[in-house]
């Protein structure tokens, strides 16, 4: 699933691929239109300006002007293999996107990483999650012999 997120001052707009289809050819136009929308609905200026003209000059790549911009179309491209040293930072991205608001298993984390375009071995993901729980970056709970990781502890009433 692809996401486009633009922030300007206190305003933010996020669009997911389930909202509509964006391919590599139309992504610049979508970013420009979204930035125009955010700019028109806020007092703070957007980082770049763009006027649409239909000249023969190629349009600049607006994605390169965005911080941490990545394009991944999981239905068309295989995920990029990541090693164990990169998993922690990728899990932090999942946490930032509220993935751990509800308890998740290792297999769910592996599947979500794959959805974001990263392939990792389940054993490596498990090791990183255990380490993050030990360092109190995530909470680890067990239920019916399964480990779950979340941003907040699972509350159980007995």
Protein backbone atom coordinates (compact mmCIF):
# COMPACT_ATOMS: atom_id res chain seq x y z
CA UNK A 1 0.00 0.00 0.00
CA UNK A 2 1.43 3.36 -1.00
CA UNK A 3 1.04 6.50 1.09
CA UNK A 4 1.56 10.13 0.21
CA UNK A 5 1.80 12.47 3.19
CA UNK A 6 2.35 16.22 2.90
CA UNK A 7 2.74 18.56 5.88
CA UNK A 8 2.68 22.33 5.91
CA UNK A 9 2.74 24.04 9.27
CA UNK A 10 -0.02 22.46 11.33
CA UNK A 11 -1.82 21.05 8.31
CA UNK A 12 -1.26 17.56 7.05
CA UNK A 13 -2.86 15.49 4.31
CA UNK A 14 -2.34 11.79 3.77
CA UNK A 15 -3.60 9.66 0.93
CA UNK A 16 -3.29 5.89 0.71
CA UNK A 17 -3.30 3.80 -2.43
CA UNK A 18 -6.62 2.33 -1.36
CA UNK A 19 -8.10 5.82 -1.88
CA UNK A 20 -7.04 5.92 -5.53
CA UNK A 21 -4.34 4.55 -7.82
CA UNK A 22 -1.09 6.45 -8.26
CA UNK A 23 1.57 5.18 -10.63
CA UNK A 24 5.12 6.39 -11.24
CA UNK A 25 4.02 8.55 -14.16
CA UNK A 26 1.30 10.43 -12.27
CA UNK A 27 2.87 10.69 -8.80
CA UNK A 28 4.46 14.11 -9.51
CA UNK A 29 1.12 15.53 -10.61
CA UNK A 30 -0.56 14.15 -7.49
CA UNK A 31 2.13 15.65 -5.22
CA UNK A 32 1.81 19.03 -6.95
CA UNK A 33 -1.98 19.04 -6.65
CA UNK A 34 -1.86 17.99 -3.00
CA UNK A 35 0.74 20.62 -2.16
CA UNK A 36 -1.41 23.25 -3.88
CA UNK A 37 -4.42 22.11 -1.82
CA UNK A 38 -2.43 22.24 1.44
CA UNK A 39 -0.95 25.64 0.51
CA UNK A 40 -4.38 27.11 -0.27
CA UNK A 41 -5.78 25.86 3.03
CA UNK A 42 -3.03 27.15 5.31
CA UNK A 43 -1.31 30.43 6.03
CA UNK A 44 2.15 28.82 6.05
CA UNK A 45 3.89 28.47 2.67
CA UNK A 46 4.61 25.07 1.14
CA UNK A 47 8.26 24.25 0.50
CA UNK A 48 8.05 24.61 -3.28
CA UNK A 49 6.01 26.38 -5.90
CA UNK A 50 4.74 24.92 -9.14
CA UNK A 51 2.81 26.29 -12.05
CA UNK A 52 1.43 23.94 -14.64
CA UNK A 53 2.33 24.70 -18.20
CA UNK A 54 2.26 22.26 -21.04
CA UNK A 55 5.63 22.99 -22.61
CA UNK A 56 7.92 20.32 -23.96
CA UNK A 57 10.33 20.70 -21.02
CA UNK A 58 10.32 17.70 -18.71
CA UNK A 59 8.78 18.44 -15.34
CA UNK A 60 11.08 18.30 -12.31
CA UNK A 61 10.89 15.33 -9.98
CA UNK A 62 8.91 16.66 -7.01
CA UNK A 63 9.37 13.50 -5.00
CA UNK A 64 13.07 14.27 -4.68
CA UNK A 65 12.17 17.50 -2.84
CA UNK A 66 10.25 15.57 -0.17
CA UNK A 67 11.95 14.22 2.92
CA UNK A 68 12.12 10.41 3.15
CA UNK A 69 10.07 9.95 -0.03
CA UNK A 70 9.94 6.42 -1.36
CA UNK A 71 7.95 4.83 -4.14
CA UNK A 72 6.95 1.23 -3.86
CA UNK A 73 4.27 -0.51 -5.85
CA UNK A 74 4.10 -3.95 -4.23
CA UNK A 75 1.93 -5.37 -6.97
CA UNK A 76 4.60 -4.56 -9.59
CA UNK A 77 7.97 -4.73 -7.83
CA UNK A 78 9.48 -7.24 -5.46
CA UNK A 79 10.33 -5.96 -1.97
CA UNK A 80 13.89 -4.91 -1.19
CA UNK A 81 15.70 -7.33 1.08
CA UNK A 82 16.89 -5.68 4.31
CA UNK A 83 19.35 -7.08 6.81
CA UNK A 84 19.04 -7.21 10.56
CA UNK A 85 20.85 -3.88 11.05
CA UNK A 86 18.10 -2.05 9.12
CA UNK A 87 15.07 -3.68 10.73
CA UNK A 88 14.93 -1.46 13.84
CA UNK A 89 14.66 1.75 11.80
CA UNK A 90 11.99 0.19 9.57
CA UNK A 91 10.00 -0.91 12.65
CA UNK A 92 10.21 2.68 13.93
CA UNK A 93 8.56 3.76 10.67
CA UNK A 94 5.75 1.26 11.30
CA UNK A 95 5.37 2.58 14.84
CA UNK A 96 5.25 6.18 13.57
CA UNK A 97 2.44 5.13 11.24
CA UNK A 98 0.44 3.74 14.23
CA UNK A 99 0.93 0.10 13.23
CA UNK A 100 1.57 -0.91 16.85
CA UNK A 101 -1.55 0.77 18.24
CA UNK A 102 -2.93 -2.74 18.53
CA UNK A 103 -0.89 -5.83 19.46
CA UNK A 104 0.99 -7.45 16.56
CA UNK A 105 2.68 -10.81 16.09
CA UNK A 106 6.04 -11.26 14.41
CA UNK A 107 4.34 -12.57 11.27
CA UNK A 108 2.11 -9.47 11.12
CA UNK A 109 5.20 -7.24 11.41
CA UNK A 110 6.96 -9.20 8.65
CA UNK A 111 3.88 -8.87 6.42
CA UNK A 112 3.60 -5.11 7.08
CA UNK A 113 7.30 -4.60 6.31
CA UNK A 114 6.69 -6.44 3.04
CA UNK A 115 3.70 -4.17 2.34
CA UNK A 116 6.03 -1.18 2.78
CA UNK A 117 8.47 -2.75 0.31
CA UNK A 118 10.99 -4.41 2.63
CA UNK A 119 11.64 -8.14 2.96
CA UNK A 120 13.15 -9.43 6.20
CA UNK A 121 13.59 -12.87 7.69
CA UNK A 122 11.03 -13.58 10.45
CA UNK A 123 13.78 -14.76 12.82
CA UNK A 124 15.65 -11.46 12.37
CA UNK A 125 12.45 -9.46 12.93
CA UNK A 126 11.72 -11.51 16.05
CA UNK A 127 15.19 -10.82 17.46
CA UNK A 128 14.85 -7.07 16.86
CA UNK A 129 11.36 -6.96 18.38
CA UNK A 130 12.56 -8.79 21.51
CA UNK A 131 15.48 -6.37 21.79
CA UNK A 132 13.17 -3.36 21.34
CA UNK A 133 10.87 -4.73 24.06
CA UNK A 134 13.84 -5.24 26.37
CA UNK A 135 14.86 -1.60 25.76
CA UNK A 136 11.23 -0.51 26.36
CA UNK A 137 10.79 0.84 22.82
CA UNK A 138 7.81 -1.52 22.45
CA UNK A 139 5.77 -3.59 24.87
CA UNK A 140 5.79 -7.37 24.69
CA UNK A 141 2.94 -9.48 26.01
CA UNK A 142 2.12 -13.17 25.69
CA UNK A 143 -1.31 -14.58 25.16
CA UNK A 144 -2.02 -18.26 24.48
CA UNK A 145 1.68 -19.03 23.87
CA UNK A 146 2.01 -16.22 21.29
CA UNK A 147 4.04 -13.06 21.70
CA UNK A 148 2.49 -9.73 20.80
CA UNK A 149 4.22 -6.37 20.42
CA UNK A 150 2.49 -3.04 20.82
CA UNK A 151 3.00 0.63 21.59
CA UNK A 152 1.04 0.20 24.84
CA UNK A 153 0.77 -2.81 27.15
CA UNK A 154 -2.11 -5.21 26.70
CA UNK A 155 -4.45 -4.86 29.66
CA UNK A 156 -5.86 -8.15 30.84
CA UNK A 157 -8.58 -8.54 33.42
CA UNK A 158 -8.60 -11.85 35.25
